[in-house]
Amino acid sequence: MLKLYEHPLFNGERFGWGDLSVYPYVAGSTGHGVAPRADSRLSAWLGRVSQRDSVAQCAAAAMDALPDSRTLGRSSSKGCSCASTATTAWNG
């Protein structure tokens, strides 16, 4: 069994489904003021994963898809297929 404190990512050395599955929850919690301690392993992991091009692109697309005060109540034509974006660039 891999241990996060021994490896940079949940899958060991490679970005994988564990990272892809956990990232939205950890990143989302930071937006609600529940960030991991700055000196924690989880914070270091979040920094590494956030720097991946596929994750950064998806996070930006997700932010763009959020309604602002002018479009609240209307559906947005923008969207993000984060899982497909990240999976496509899995080895990148």
N, C-alpha and C. Protein backbone atom coordinates (compact mmCIF):
# COMPACT_ATOMS: atom_id res chain seq x y z
N MET A 1 0.84 -1.18 0.00
CA MET A 1 0.00 0.00 0.00
C MET A 1 0.89 1.25 0.00
N LEU A 2 0.55 2.18 -0.90
CA LEU A 2 1.31 3.43 -0.97
C LEU A 2 0.90 4.35 0.16
N LYS A 3 1.85 5.09 0.65
CA LYS A 3 1.58 6.07 1.70
C LYS A 3 1.90 7.44 1.14
N LEU A 4 0.95 8.37 1.26
CA LEU A 4 1.11 9.69 0.66
C LEU A 4 2.38 10.38 1.14
N TYR A 5 2.75 10.17 2.39
CA TYR A 5 3.93 10.86 2.89
C TYR A 5 5.22 10.32 2.30
N GLU A 6 5.16 9.16 1.62
CA GLU A 6 6.36 8.61 0.98
C GLU A 6 6.42 8.92 -0.51
N HIS A 7 5.33 9.43 -1.07
CA HIS A 7 5.23 9.68 -2.51
C HIS A 7 4.60 11.04 -2.76
N PRO A 8 4.90 11.63 -3.92
CA PRO A 8 4.35 12.96 -4.20
C PRO A 8 2.86 12.97 -4.55
N LEU A 9 2.32 11.84 -5.00
CA LEU A 9 0.93 11.77 -5.43
C LEU A 9 0.27 10.53 -4.84
N PHE A 10 -1.04 10.47 -4.87
CA PHE A 10 -1.75 9.33 -4.30
C PHE A 10 -1.39 8.03 -5.01
N ASN A 11 -1.11 8.08 -6.30
CA ASN A 11 -0.75 6.89 -7.06
C ASN A 11 0.75 6.59 -7.00
N GLY A 12 1.47 7.30 -6.23
CA GLY A 12 2.92 7.13 -6.17
C GLY A 12 3.59 8.28 -6.88
N GLU A 13 4.21 7.95 -8.01
CA GLU A 13 4.93 8.96 -8.79
C GLU A 13 4.09 9.54 -9.91
N ARG A 14 2.95 8.90 -10.23
CA ARG A 14 2.13 9.32 -11.36
C ARG A 14 0.78 9.86 -10.90
N PHE A 15 0.32 10.89 -11.57
CA PHE A 15 -1.00 11.46 -11.33
C PHE A 15 -2.03 10.39 -11.68
N GLY A 16 -3.00 10.18 -10.81
CA GLY A 16 -3.97 9.13 -11.06
C GLY A 16 -5.36 9.47 -10.58
N TRP A 17 -6.24 8.45 -10.59
CA TRP A 17 -7.63 8.63 -10.21
C TRP A 17 -7.78 9.13 -8.77
N GLY A 18 -6.92 8.70 -7.88
CA GLY A 18 -7.00 9.17 -6.50
C GLY A 18 -6.82 10.68 -6.43
N ASP A 19 -5.81 11.18 -7.13
CA ASP A 19 -5.55 12.62 -7.16
C ASP A 19 -6.71 13.35 -7.83
N LEU A 20 -7.17 12.79 -8.95
CA LEU A 20 -8.25 13.40 -9.71
C LEU A 20 -9.54 13.45 -8.90
N SER A 21 -9.76 12.43 -8.09
CA SER A 21 -10.98 12.36 -7.29
C SER A 21 -10.96 13.26 -6.06
N VAL A 22 -9.80 13.41 -5.45
CA VAL A 22 -9.69 14.17 -4.20
C VAL A 22 -9.52 15.66 -4.46
N TYR A 23 -8.87 16.02 -5.55
CA TYR A 23 -8.55 17.43 -5.81
C TYR A 23 -9.76 18.37 -5.70
N PRO A 24 -10.90 18.07 -6.35
CA PRO A 24 -12.01 19.04 -6.27
C PRO A 24 -12.48 19.32 -4.84
N TYR A 25 -12.43 18.31 -4.00
CA TYR A 25 -12.90 18.50 -2.62
C TYR A 25 -11.91 19.32 -1.80
N VAL A 26 -10.62 19.03 -1.95
CA VAL A 26 -9.62 19.78 -1.18
C VAL A 26 -9.54 21.22 -1.70
N ALA A 27 -9.52 21.37 -3.02
CA ALA A 27 -9.46 22.72 -3.59
C ALA A 27 -10.73 23.50 -3.24
N GLY A 28 -11.87 22.85 -3.30
CA GLY A 28 -13.13 23.52 -2.96
C GLY A 28 -13.19 23.93 -1.51
N SER A 29 -12.62 23.11 -0.63
CA SER A 29 -12.66 23.46 0.79
C SER A 29 -11.82 24.69 1.07
N THR A 30 -10.75 24.88 0.31
CA THR A 30 -9.93 26.08 0.52
C THR A 30 -10.72 27.33 0.15
N GLY A 31 -11.60 27.21 -0.84
CA GLY A 31 -12.45 28.34 -1.22
C GLY A 31 -13.48 28.69 -0.16
N HIS A 32 -13.72 27.77 0.76
CA HIS A 32 -14.66 28.00 1.85
C HIS A 32 -13.94 28.27 3.17
N GLY A 33 -12.64 28.53 3.08
CA GLY A 33 -11.88 28.89 4.26
C GLY A 33 -11.43 27.71 5.11
N VAL A 34 -11.48 26.51 4.57
CA VAL A 34 -11.06 25.32 5.31
C VAL A 34 -9.83 24.73 4.61
N ALA A 35 -8.78 25.49 4.58
CA ALA A 35 -7.57 25.07 3.89
C ALA A 35 -6.71 24.20 4.78
N PRO A 36 -5.95 23.27 4.16
CA PRO A 36 -5.01 22.50 4.98
C PRO A 36 -3.92 23.42 5.51
N ARG A 37 -3.35 23.06 6.65
CA ARG A 37 -2.25 23.86 7.21
C ARG A 37 -1.16 24.02 6.16
N ALA A 38 -0.55 25.17 6.11
CA ALA A 38 0.46 25.47 5.10
C ALA A 38 1.64 24.52 5.15
N ASP A 39 1.96 23.99 6.32
CA ASP A 39 3.12 23.11 6.44
C ASP A 39 2.73 21.63 6.37
N SER A 40 1.50 21.32 5.95
CA SER A 40 1.04 19.93 5.93
C SER A 40 1.38 19.23 4.61
N ARG A 41 1.37 17.93 4.64
CA ARG A 41 1.59 17.13 3.43
C ARG A 41 0.46 17.35 2.44
N LEU A 42 -0.75 17.51 2.95
CA LEU A 42 -1.90 17.74 2.08
C LEU A 42 -1.76 19.07 1.33
N SER A 43 -1.27 20.08 2.00
CA SER A 43 -1.05 21.36 1.36
C SER A 43 0.03 21.25 0.28
N ALA A 44 1.08 20.51 0.56
CA ALA A 44 2.14 20.29 -0.43
C ALA A 44 1.59 19.53 -1.64
N TRP A 45 0.77 18.51 -1.37
CA TRP A 45 0.15 17.74 -2.45
C TRP A 45 -0.73 18.66 -3.31
N LEU A 46 -1.55 19.48 -2.66
CA LEU A 46 -2.44 20.39 -3.38
C LEU A 46 -1.63 21.32 -4.28
N GLY A 47 -0.53 21.81 -3.79
CA GLY A 47 0.33 22.67 -4.60
C GLY A 47 0.88 21.96 -5.82
N ARG A 48 1.33 20.70 -5.63
CA ARG A 48 1.86 19.93 -6.76
C ARG A 48 0.78 19.67 -7.81
N VAL A 49 -0.38 19.23 -7.35
CA VAL A 49 -1.45 18.88 -8.29
C VAL A 49 -1.98 20.13 -8.98
N SER A 50 -2.07 21.24 -8.27
CA SER A 50 -2.58 22.49 -8.85
C SER A 50 -1.68 23.02 -9.96
N GLN A 51 -0.42 22.64 -9.97
CA GLN A 51 0.52 23.12 -10.97
C GLN A 51 0.46 22.32 -12.27
N ARG A 52 -0.23 21.19 -12.26
CA ARG A 52 -0.38 20.41 -13.49
C ARG A 52 -1.20 21.22 -14.49
N ASP A 53 -0.78 21.21 -15.75
CA ASP A 53 -1.50 21.97 -16.78
C ASP A 53 -2.96 21.55 -16.88
N SER A 54 -3.20 20.24 -16.87
CA SER A 54 -4.58 19.76 -17.03
C SER A 54 -5.46 20.22 -15.88
N VAL A 55 -4.95 20.22 -14.67
CA VAL A 55 -5.73 20.63 -13.50
C VAL A 55 -5.93 22.14 -13.52
N ALA A 56 -4.89 22.89 -13.83
CA ALA A 56 -4.99 24.35 -13.88
C ALA A 56 -5.99 24.79 -14.95
N GLN A 57 -5.98 24.14 -16.12
CA GLN A 57 -6.91 24.49 -17.18
C GLN A 57 -8.34 24.19 -16.76
N CYS A 58 -8.54 23.06 -16.13
CA CYS A 58 -9.88 22.69 -15.70
C CYS A 58 -10.37 23.61 -14.60
N ALA A 59 -9.52 23.95 -13.66
CA ALA A 59 -9.90 24.86 -12.58
C ALA A 59 -10.30 26.22 -13.15
N ALA A 60 -9.54 26.69 -14.14
CA ALA A 60 -9.87 27.98 -14.77
C ALA A 60 -11.21 27.89 -15.50
N ALA A 61 -11.45 26.79 -16.20
CA ALA A 61 -12.72 26.61 -16.92
C ALA A 61 -13.88 26.53 -15.93
N ALA A 62 -13.66 25.86 -14.81
CA ALA A 62 -14.72 25.76 -13.80
C ALA A 62 -15.05 27.13 -13.22
N MET A 63 -14.03 27.93 -12.99
CA MET A 63 -14.27 29.28 -12.47
C MET A 63 -15.02 30.13 -13.51
N ASP A 64 -14.66 29.98 -14.78
CA ASP A 64 -15.35 30.71 -15.84
C ASP A 64 -16.81 30.29 -15.95
N ALA A 65 -17.09 29.03 -15.61
CA ALA A 65 -18.46 28.52 -15.75
C ALA A 65 -19.36 28.95 -14.60
N LEU A 66 -18.78 29.44 -13.52
CA LEU A 66 -19.60 29.90 -12.40
C LEU A 66 -20.39 31.13 -12.80
N PRO A 67 -21.64 31.18 -12.43
CA PRO A 67 -22.43 32.36 -12.77
C PRO A 67 -21.99 33.56 -11.93
N ASP A 68 -22.00 34.72 -12.53
CA ASP A 68 -21.75 35.92 -11.74
C ASP A 68 -23.09 36.59 -11.45
N SER A 69 -23.07 37.69 -10.80
CA SER A 69 -24.32 38.33 -10.38
C SER A 69 -25.20 38.73 -11.56
N ARG A 70 -24.61 38.97 -12.73
CA ARG A 70 -25.41 39.36 -13.90
C ARG A 70 -26.10 38.18 -14.54
N THR A 71 -25.53 36.97 -14.41
CA THR A 71 -26.11 35.81 -15.08
C THR A 71 -26.78 34.85 -14.11
N LEU A 72 -26.83 35.20 -12.85
CA LEU A 72 -27.45 34.32 -11.87
C LEU A 72 -28.89 34.04 -12.26
N GLY A 73 -29.23 32.78 -12.28
CA GLY A 73 -30.58 32.40 -12.66
C GLY A 73 -30.72 32.01 -14.12
N ARG A 74 -29.72 32.33 -14.92
CA ARG A 74 -29.72 31.91 -16.32
C ARG A 74 -28.68 30.83 -16.49
N SER A 75 -28.93 29.89 -17.35
CA SER A 75 -27.95 28.82 -17.54
C SER A 75 -26.76 29.35 -18.32
N SER A 76 -25.61 28.84 -18.00
CA SER A 76 -24.39 29.25 -18.66
C SER A 76 -24.08 28.31 -19.80
N SER A 77 -23.61 28.83 -20.91
CA SER A 77 -23.22 27.97 -22.02
C SER A 77 -21.82 27.41 -21.81
N LYS A 78 -21.11 27.95 -20.85
CA LYS A 78 -19.77 27.47 -20.57
C LYS A 78 -19.85 26.25 -19.68
N GLY A 79 -18.89 25.38 -19.83
CA GLY A 79 -18.88 24.19 -19.00
C GLY A 79 -17.48 23.64 -18.91
N CYS A 80 -17.31 22.65 -18.08
CA CYS A 80 -16.00 22.05 -17.90
C CYS A 80 -16.14 20.55 -17.78
N SER A 81 -15.41 19.85 -18.58
CA SER A 81 -15.37 18.41 -18.43
C SER A 81 -14.04 18.07 -17.78
N CYS A 82 -13.93 18.40 -16.50
CA CYS A 82 -12.67 18.27 -15.79
C CYS A 82 -12.10 16.85 -15.87
N ALA A 83 -12.93 15.86 -15.69
CA ALA A 83 -12.43 14.49 -15.69
C ALA A 83 -11.83 14.16 -17.05
N SER A 84 -12.49 14.53 -18.14
CA SER A 84 -11.94 14.21 -19.46
C SER A 84 -10.71 15.05 -19.74
N THR A 85 -10.69 16.30 -19.31
CA THR A 85 -9.52 17.14 -19.52
C THR A 85 -8.32 16.59 -18.79
N ALA A 86 -8.52 16.25 -17.53
CA ALA A 86 -7.41 15.74 -16.73
C ALA A 86 -7.00 14.36 -17.20
N THR A 87 -7.95 13.53 -17.58
CA THR A 87 -7.62 12.18 -18.02
C THR A 87 -6.86 12.22 -19.34
N THR A 88 -7.25 13.12 -20.23
CA THR A 88 -6.57 13.23 -21.52
C THR A 88 -5.09 13.59 -21.31
N ALA A 89 -4.81 14.43 -20.35
CA ALA A 89 -3.44 14.87 -20.09
C ALA A 89 -2.82 14.11 -18.93
N TRP A 90 -3.34 12.93 -18.65
CA TRP A 90 -2.93 12.13 -17.49
C TRP A 90 -1.43 12.02 -17.37
N ASN A 91 -0.75 11.71 -18.44
CA ASN A 91 0.70 11.49 -18.38
C ASN A 91 1.50 12.74 -18.69
N GLY A 92 0.81 13.86 -18.87
CA GLY A 92 1.51 15.09 -19.27
C GLY A 92 2.21 15.78 -18.16
